[in-house]
Amino acid sequence: MRVDKWLAAVNVIKRRTIASDMVKSGVVFINGLKAKASKKVAIGDKITIEYLKGAQNYEVLQIPTTKTIPKSKKEEYVKEL
């Protein structure tokens, strides 16, 4: 799954268009490397988002099979570090 789709699907970022814009502006990193929107996410990857107030780190636990997941199941797919 593409990184922008994954960020939106697991409710890290509300909309995919916002996730795509964040990737294009260079604030999303996968395993320490600047991500491109087409970059595939794998289980165990560390994703960092550089916000103005500081960085937020996540670990990929699962890849969703549907377009979105319920907010109550977010902990099964992503772990906040």
PDB file of N, CA and C in Angstrom:
ATOM      1  N   MET A   1       0.846  -1.179   0.000  1.00  0.00           N
ATOM      2  CA  MET A   1       0.000   0.000   0.000  1.00  0.00           C
ATOM      3  C   MET A   1       0.892   1.243   0.000  1.00  0.00           C
ATOM      4  N   ARG A   2       0.490   2.236  -0.783  1.00  0.00           N
ATOM      5  CA  ARG A   2       1.249   3.484  -0.861  1.00  0.00           C
ATOM      6  C   ARG A   2       1.217   4.213   0.487  1.00  0.00           C
ATOM      7  N   VAL A   3       2.246   4.979   0.767  1.00  0.00           N
ATOM      8  CA  VAL A   3       2.346   5.647   2.060  1.00  0.00           C
ATOM      9  C   VAL A   3       1.221   6.658   2.264  1.00  0.00           C
ATOM     10  N   ASP A   4       0.828   7.400   1.235  1.00  0.00           N
ATOM     11  CA  ASP A   4      -0.244   8.372   1.415  1.00  0.00           C
ATOM     12  C   ASP A   4      -1.588   7.676   1.677  1.00  0.00           C
ATOM     13  N   LYS A   5      -1.827   6.553   1.011  1.00  0.00           N
ATOM     14  CA  LYS A   5      -3.055   5.780   1.258  1.00  0.00           C
ATOM     15  C   LYS A   5      -3.049   5.207   2.669  1.00  0.00           C
ATOM     16  N   TRP A   6      -1.899   4.703   3.100  1.00  0.00           N
ATOM     17  CA  TRP A   6      -1.800   4.098   4.427  1.00  0.00           C
ATOM     18  C   TRP A   6      -2.053   5.131   5.522  1.00  0.00           C
ATOM     19  N   LEU A   7      -1.465   6.318   5.394  1.00  0.00           N
ATOM     20  CA  LEU A   7      -1.657   7.363   6.393  1.00  0.00           C
ATOM     21  C   LEU A   7      -3.128   7.728   6.538  1.00  0.00           C
ATOM     22  N   ALA A   8      -3.854   7.781   5.434  1.00  0.00           N
ATOM     23  CA  ALA A   8      -5.277   8.109   5.478  1.00  0.00           C
ATOM     24  C   ALA A   8      -6.110   6.919   5.957  1.00  0.00           C
ATOM     25  N   ALA A   9      -5.759   5.716   5.539  1.00  0.00           N
ATOM     26  CA  ALA A   9      -6.547   4.522   5.880  1.00  0.00           C
ATOM     27  C   ALA A   9      -6.524   4.216   7.369  1.00  0.00           C
ATOM     28  N   VAL A  10      -5.384   4.439   8.024  1.00  0.00           N
ATOM     29  CA  VAL A  10      -5.276   4.105   9.448  1.00  0.00           C
ATOM     30  C   VAL A  10      -5.544   5.317  10.345  1.00  0.00           C
ATOM     31  N   ASN A  11      -6.086   6.369   9.762  1.00  0.00           N
ATOM     32  CA  ASN A  11      -6.514   7.555  10.509  1.00  0.00           C
ATOM     33  C   ASN A  11      -5.380   8.319  11.180  1.00  0.00           C
ATOM     34  N   VAL A  12      -4.184   8.280  10.621  1.00  0.00           N
ATOM     35  CA  VAL A  12      -3.094   9.131  11.102  1.00  0.00           C
ATOM     36  C   VAL A  12      -3.324  10.545  10.584  1.00  0.00           C
ATOM     37  N   ILE A  13      -3.723  10.646   9.322  1.00  0.00           N
ATOM     38  CA  ILE A  13      -4.060  11.921   8.693  1.00  0.00           C
ATOM     39  C   ILE A  13      -5.482  11.784   8.156  1.00  0.00           C
ATOM     40  N   LYS A  14      -6.293  12.833   8.302  1.00  0.00           N
ATOM     41  CA  LYS A  14      -7.723  12.722   7.999  1.00  0.00           C
ATOM     42  C   LYS A  14      -8.048  12.445   6.540  1.00  0.00           C
ATOM     43  N   ARG A  15      -7.336  13.080   5.613  1.00  0.00           N
ATOM     44  CA  ARG A  15      -7.667  12.913   4.200  1.00  0.00           C
ATOM     45  C   ARG A  15      -6.436  12.516   3.405  1.00  0.00           C
ATOM     46  N   ARG A  16      -6.662  11.741   2.349  1.00  0.00           N
ATOM     47  CA  ARG A  16      -5.549  11.294   1.513  1.00  0.00           C
ATOM     48  C   ARG A  16      -4.900  12.462   0.776  1.00  0.00           C
ATOM     49  N   THR A  17      -5.686  13.455   0.380  1.00  0.00           N
ATOM     50  CA  THR A  17      -5.105  14.603  -0.318  1.00  0.00           C
ATOM     51  C   THR A  17      -4.139  15.363   0.583  1.00  0.00           C
ATOM     52  N   ILE A  18      -4.482  15.456   1.853  1.00  0.00           N
ATOM     53  CA  ILE A  18      -3.576  16.107   2.812  1.00  0.00           C
ATOM     54  C   ILE A  18      -2.319  15.260   2.977  1.00  0.00           C
ATOM     55  N   ALA A  19      -2.490  13.938   3.062  1.00  0.00           N
ATOM     56  CA  ALA A  19      -1.342  13.043   3.187  1.00  0.00           C
ATOM     57  C   ALA A  19      -0.429  13.162   1.970  1.00  0.00           C
ATOM     58  N   SER A  20      -1.016  13.234   0.773  1.00  0.00           N
ATOM     59  CA  SER A  20      -0.223  13.387  -0.450  1.00  0.00           C
ATOM     60  C   SER A  20       0.546  14.700  -0.444  1.00  0.00           C
ATOM     61  N   ASP A  21      -0.117  15.775  -0.031  1.00  0.00           N
ATOM     62  CA  ASP A  21       0.552  17.077   0.040  1.00  0.00           C
ATOM     63  C   ASP A  21       1.709  17.062   1.035  1.00  0.00           C
ATOM     64  N   MET A  22       1.519  16.379   2.166  1.00  0.00           N
ATOM     65  CA  MET A  22       2.586  16.299   3.167  1.00  0.00           C
ATOM     66  C   MET A  22       3.786  15.529   2.620  1.00  0.00           C
ATOM     67  N   VAL A  23       3.510  14.455   1.890  1.00  0.00           N
ATOM     68  CA  VAL A  23       4.600  13.669   1.294  1.00  0.00           C
ATOM     69  C   VAL A  23       5.340  14.505   0.264  1.00  0.00           C
ATOM     70  N   LYS A  24       4.588  15.211  -0.595  1.00  0.00           N
ATOM     71  CA  LYS A  24       5.204  16.050  -1.632  1.00  0.00           C
ATOM     72  C   LYS A  24       6.038  17.176  -1.050  1.00  0.00           C
ATOM     73  N   SER A  25       5.612  17.720   0.103  1.00  0.00           N
ATOM     74  CA  SER A  25       6.360  18.822   0.712  1.00  0.00           C
ATOM     75  C   SER A  25       7.573  18.333   1.514  1.00  0.00           C
ATOM     76  N   GLY A  26       7.750  17.024   1.629  1.00  0.00           N
ATOM     77  CA  GLY A  26       8.968  16.483   2.225  1.00  0.00           C
ATOM     78  C   GLY A  26       8.980  16.386   3.736  1.00  0.00           C
ATOM     79  N   VAL A  27       7.814  16.267   4.371  1.00  0.00           N
ATOM     80  CA  VAL A  27       7.786  16.159   5.830  1.00  0.00           C
ATOM     81  C   VAL A  27       7.529  14.730   6.314  1.00  0.00           C
ATOM     82  N   VAL A  28       7.377  13.786   5.383  1.00  0.00           N
ATOM     83  CA  VAL A  28       7.143  12.387   5.743  1.00  0.00           C
ATOM     84  C   VAL A  28       8.390  11.577   5.417  1.00  0.00           C
ATOM     85  N   PHE A  29       8.850  10.803   6.407  1.00  0.00           N
ATOM     86  CA  PHE A  29      10.047   9.974   6.256  1.00  0.00           C
ATOM     87  C   PHE A  29       9.705   8.529   6.585  1.00  0.00           C
ATOM     88  N   ILE A  30      10.246   7.599   5.804  1.00  0.00           N
ATOM     89  CA  ILE A  30      10.089   6.168   6.079  1.00  0.00           C
ATOM     90  C   ILE A  30      11.471   5.610   6.367  1.00  0.00           C
ATOM     91  N   ASN A  31      11.637   5.077   7.563  1.00  0.00           N
ATOM     92  CA  ASN A  31      12.918   4.527   8.016  1.00  0.00           C
ATOM     93  C   ASN A  31      14.052   5.539   7.843  1.00  0.00           C
ATOM     94  N   GLY A  32      13.773   6.797   8.110  1.00  0.00           N
ATOM     95  CA  GLY A  32      14.791   7.840   8.054  1.00  0.00           C
ATOM     96  C   GLY A  32      15.030   8.448   6.688  1.00  0.00           C
ATOM     97  N   LEU A  33      14.386   7.941   5.647  1.00  0.00           N
ATOM     98  CA  LEU A  33      14.561   8.467   4.292  1.00  0.00           C
ATOM     99  C   LEU A  33      13.306   9.218   3.868  1.00  0.00           C
ATOM    100  N   LYS A  34      13.496  10.344   3.168  1.00  0.00           N
ATOM    101  CA  LYS A  34      12.361  11.130   2.694  1.00  0.00           C
ATOM    102  C   LYS A  34      11.508  10.274   1.769  1.00  0.00           C
ATOM    103  N   ALA A  35      10.198  10.252   2.030  1.00  0.00           N
ATOM    104  CA  ALA A  35       9.283   9.382   1.282  1.00  0.00           C
ATOM    105  C   ALA A  35       8.739  10.071   0.047  1.00  0.00           C
ATOM    106  N   LYS A  36       8.457   9.253  -0.969  1.00  0.00           N
ATOM    107  CA  LYS A  36       7.716   9.694  -2.136  1.00  0.00           C
ATOM    108  C   LYS A  36       6.318   9.105  -2.000  1.00  0.00           C
ATOM    109  N   ALA A  37       5.325   9.722  -2.648  1.00  0.00           N
ATOM    110  CA  ALA A  37       3.939   9.261  -2.524  1.00  0.00           C
ATOM    111  C   ALA A  37       3.772   7.821  -3.000  1.00  0.00           C
ATOM    112  N   SER A  38       4.571   7.397  -3.951  1.00  0.00           N
ATOM    113  CA  SER A  38       4.437   6.043  -4.500  1.00  0.00           C
ATOM    114  C   SER A  38       5.164   4.988  -3.668  1.00  0.00           C
ATOM    115  N   LYS A  39       5.883   5.404  -2.629  1.00  0.00           N
ATOM    116  CA  LYS A  39       6.637   4.463  -1.789  1.00  0.00           C
ATOM    117  C   LYS A  39       5.692   3.494  -1.092  1.00  0.00           C
ATOM    118  N   LYS A  40       5.989   2.215  -1.187  1.00  0.00           N
ATOM    119  CA  LYS A  40       5.164   1.187  -0.552  1.00  0.00           C
ATOM    120  C   LYS A  40       5.540   1.060   0.925  1.00  0.00           C
ATOM    121  N   VAL A  41       4.533   0.877   1.756  1.00  0.00           N
ATOM    122  CA  VAL A  41       4.723   0.697   3.197  1.00  0.00           C
ATOM    123  C   VAL A  41       4.715  -0.789   3.496  1.00  0.00           C
ATOM    124  N   ALA A  42       5.637  -1.226   4.354  1.00  0.00           N
ATOM    125  CA  ALA A  42       5.706  -2.632   4.748  1.00  0.00           C
ATOM    126  C   ALA A  42       5.572  -2.731   6.266  1.00  0.00           C
ATOM    127  N   ILE A  43       5.186  -3.899   6.732  1.00  0.00           N
ATOM    128  CA  ILE A  43       5.055  -4.129   8.172  1.00  0.00           C
ATOM    129  C   ILE A  43       6.426  -3.955   8.815  1.00  0.00           C
ATOM    130  N   GLY A  44       6.467  -3.198   9.907  1.00  0.00           N
ATOM    131  CA  GLY A  44       7.715  -2.946  10.619  1.00  0.00           C
ATOM    132  C   GLY A  44       8.380  -1.636  10.252  1.00  0.00           C
ATOM    133  N   ASP A  45       7.904  -0.958   9.210  1.00  0.00           N
ATOM    134  CA  ASP A  45       8.475   0.335   8.824  1.00  0.00           C
ATOM    135  C   ASP A  45       8.221   1.377   9.902  1.00  0.00           C
ATOM    136  N   LYS A  46       9.165   2.282  10.056  1.00  0.00           N
ATOM    137  CA  LYS A  46       9.031   3.415  10.975  1.00  0.00           C
ATOM    138  C   LYS A  46       8.744   4.655  10.140  1.00  0.00           C
ATOM    139  N   ILE A  47       7.636   5.311  10.417  1.00  0.00           N
ATOM    140  CA  ILE A  47       7.236   6.503   9.676  1.00  0.00           C
ATOM    141  C   ILE A  47       7.321   7.705  10.606  1.00  0.00           C
ATOM    142  N   THR A  48       7.995   8.748  10.144  1.00  0.00           N
ATOM    143  CA  THR A  48       8.144   9.983  10.900  1.00  0.00           C
ATOM    144  C   THR A  48       7.489  11.113  10.116  1.00  0.00           C
ATOM    145  N   ILE A  49       6.691  11.905  10.811  1.00  0.00           N
ATOM    146  CA  ILE A  49       6.073  13.089  10.208  1.00  0.00           C
ATOM    147  C   ILE A  49       6.594  14.299  10.965  1.00  0.00           C
ATOM    148  N   GLU A  50       7.230  15.209  10.236  1.00  0.00           N
ATOM    149  CA  GLU A  50       7.804  16.417  10.831  1.00  0.00           C
ATOM    150  C   GLU A  50       6.760  17.531  10.833  1.00  0.00           C
ATOM    151  N   TYR A  51       6.133  17.743  11.990  1.00  0.00           N
ATOM    152  CA  TYR A  51       5.204  18.860  12.155  1.00  0.00           C
ATOM    153  C   TYR A  51       5.987  20.084  12.622  1.00  0.00           C
ATOM    154  N   LEU A  52       5.353  21.248  12.601  1.00  0.00           N
ATOM    155  CA  LEU A  52       6.020  22.475  13.052  1.00  0.00           C
ATOM    156  C   LEU A  52       6.375  22.403  14.536  1.00  0.00           C
ATOM    157  N   LYS A  53       5.546  21.733  15.313  1.00  0.00           N
ATOM    158  CA  LYS A  53       5.772  21.638  16.763  1.00  0.00           C
ATOM    159  C   LYS A  53       6.672  20.467  17.152  1.00  0.00           C
ATOM    160  N   GLY A  54       7.114  19.691  16.190  1.00  0.00           N
ATOM    161  CA  GLY A  54       7.976  18.549  16.479  1.00  0.00           C
ATOM    162  C   GLY A  54       7.605  17.344  15.644  1.00  0.00           C
ATOM    163  N   ALA A  55       8.400  16.313  15.763  1.00  0.00           N
ATOM    164  CA  ALA A  55       8.200  15.105  14.955  1.00  0.00           C
ATOM    165  C   ALA A  55       7.284  14.120  15.677  1.00  0.00           C
ATOM    166  N   GLN A  56       6.521  13.393  14.882  1.00  0.00           N
ATOM    167  CA  GLN A  56       5.670  12.327  15.396  1.00  0.00           C
ATOM    168  C   GLN A  56       6.108  11.039  14.720  1.00  0.00           C
ATOM    169  N   ASN A  57       6.328   9.984  15.502  1.00  0.00           N
ATOM    170  CA  ASN A  57       6.828   8.717  14.980  1.00  0.00           C
ATOM    171  C   ASN A  57       5.776   7.632  15.098  1.00  0.00           C
ATOM    172  N   TYR A  58       5.702   6.784  14.075  1.00  0.00           N
ATOM    173  CA  TYR A  58       4.748   5.682  14.035  1.00  0.00           C
ATOM    174  C   TYR A  58       5.459   4.427  13.540  1.00  0.00           C
ATOM    175  N   GLU A  59       4.925   3.270  13.945  1.00  0.00           N
ATOM    176  CA  GLU A  59       5.407   1.989  13.433  1.00  0.00           C
ATOM    177  C   GLU A  59       4.243   1.271  12.768  1.00  0.00           C
ATOM    178  N   VAL A  60       4.485   0.702  11.595  1.00  0.00           N
ATOM    179  CA  VAL A  60       3.448  -0.018  10.854  1.00  0.00           C
ATOM    180  C   VAL A  60       3.329  -1.422  11.439  1.00  0.00           C
ATOM    181  N   LEU A  61       2.130  -1.754  11.948  1.00  0.00           N
ATOM    182  CA  LEU A  61       1.892  -3.078  12.507  1.00  0.00           C
ATOM    183  C   LEU A  61       1.172  -3.994  11.515  1.00  0.00           C
ATOM    184  N   GLN A  62       0.248  -3.415  10.734  1.00  0.00           N
ATOM    185  CA  GLN A  62      -0.499  -4.174   9.726  1.00  0.00           C
ATOM    186  C   GLN A  62      -0.807  -3.269   8.547  1.00  0.00           C
ATOM    187  N   ILE A  63      -1.106  -3.884   7.430  1.00  0.00           N
ATOM    188  CA  ILE A  63      -1.539  -3.159   6.241  1.00  0.00           C
ATOM    189  C   ILE A  63      -3.037  -3.422   6.090  1.00  0.00           C
ATOM    190  N   PRO A  64      -3.885  -2.384   6.090  1.00  0.00           N
ATOM    191  CA  PRO A  64      -5.324  -2.612   5.956  1.00  0.00           C
ATOM    192  C   PRO A  64      -5.685  -3.118   4.562  1.00  0.00           C
ATOM    193  N   THR A  65      -6.712  -3.949   4.508  1.00  0.00           N
ATOM    194  CA  THR A  65      -7.172  -4.479   3.229  1.00  0.00           C
ATOM    195  C   THR A  65      -8.316  -3.654   2.657  1.00  0.00           C
ATOM    196  N   THR A  66      -8.876  -2.755   3.465  1.00  0.00           N
ATOM    197  CA  THR A  66      -9.970  -1.901   3.016  1.00  0.00           C
ATOM    198  C   THR A  66      -9.490  -0.457   2.913  1.00  0.00           C
ATOM    199  N   LYS A  67     -10.351   0.382   2.341  1.00  0.00           N
ATOM    200  CA  LYS A  67      -9.988   1.785   2.125  1.00  0.00           C
ATOM    201  C   LYS A  67      -9.768   2.520   3.448  1.00  0.00           C
ATOM    202  N   THR A  68     -10.617   2.263   4.434  1.00  0.00           N
ATOM    203  CA  THR A  68     -10.463   2.858   5.765  1.00  0.00           C
ATOM    204  C   THR A  68     -10.755   1.805   6.813  1.00  0.00           C
ATOM    205  N   ILE A  69     -10.300   2.085   8.031  1.00  0.00           N
ATOM    206  CA  ILE A  69     -10.569   1.199   9.151  1.00  0.00           C
ATOM    207  C   ILE A  69     -11.322   1.994  10.217  1.00  0.00           C
ATOM    208  N   PRO A  70     -12.067   1.330  11.091  1.00  0.00           N
ATOM    209  CA  PRO A  70     -12.709   2.055  12.188  1.00  0.00           C
ATOM    210  C   PRO A  70     -11.660   2.638  13.133  1.00  0.00           C
ATOM    211  N   LYS A  71     -11.941   3.810  13.673  1.00  0.00           N
ATOM    212  CA  LYS A  71     -10.990   4.455  14.582  1.00  0.00           C
ATOM    213  C   LYS A  71     -10.705   3.594  15.805  1.00  0.00           C
ATOM    214  N   SER A  72     -11.661   2.758  16.196  1.00  0.00           N
ATOM    215  CA  SER A  72     -11.474   1.898  17.361  1.00  0.00           C
ATOM    216  C   SER A  72     -10.425   0.812  17.125  1.00  0.00           C
ATOM    217  N   LYS A  73     -10.113   0.503  15.861  1.00  0.00           N
ATOM    218  CA  LYS A  73      -9.135  -0.542  15.546  1.00  0.00           C
ATOM    219  C   LYS A  73      -7.784   0.031  15.126  1.00  0.00           C
ATOM    220  N   LYS A  74      -7.583   1.318  15.308  1.00  0.00           N
ATOM    221  CA  LYS A  74      -6.343   1.964  14.882  1.00  0.00           C
ATOM    222  C   LYS A  74      -5.110   1.325  15.537  1.00  0.00           C
ATOM    223  N   GLU A  75      -5.222   0.909  16.811  1.00  0.00           N
ATOM    224  CA  GLU A  75      -4.080   0.347  17.532  1.00  0.00           C
ATOM    225  C   GLU A  75      -3.589  -0.968  16.934  1.00  0.00           C
ATOM    226  N   GLU A  76      -4.442  -1.657  16.157  1.00  0.00           N
ATOM    227  CA  GLU A  76      -4.032  -2.909  15.521  1.00  0.00           C
ATOM    228  C   GLU A  76      -3.148  -2.664  14.296  1.00  0.00           C
ATOM    229  N   TYR A  77      -3.227  -1.459  13.732  1.00  0.00           N
ATOM    230  CA  TYR A  77      -2.522  -1.158  12.479  1.00  0.00           C
ATOM    231  C   TYR A  77      -1.318  -0.251  12.660  1.00  0.00           C
ATOM    232  N   VAL A  78      -1.329   0.601  13.676  1.00  0.00           N
ATOM    233  CA  VAL A  78      -0.247   1.571  13.857  1.00  0.00           C
ATOM    234  C   VAL A  78       0.063   1.710  15.340  1.00  0.00           C
ATOM    235  N   LYS A  79       1.354   1.851  15.632  1.00  0.00           N
ATOM    236  CA  LYS A  79       1.801   2.076  16.998  1.00  0.00           C
ATOM    237  C   LYS A  79       2.517   3.415  17.048  1.00  0.00           C
ATOM    238  N   GLU A  80       2.070   4.278  17.957  1.00  0.00           N
ATOM    239  CA  GLU A  80       2.703   5.582  18.091  1.00  0.00           C
ATOM    240  C   GLU A  80       3.937   5.433  18.990  1.00  0.00           C
ATOM    241  N   LEU A  81       5.064   5.920  18.501  1.00  0.00           N
ATOM    242  CA  LEU A  81       6.318   5.777  19.253  1.00  0.00           C
ATOM    243  C   LEU A  81       6.658   7.056  19.998  1.00  0.00           C
TER     244      LEU A  81
END
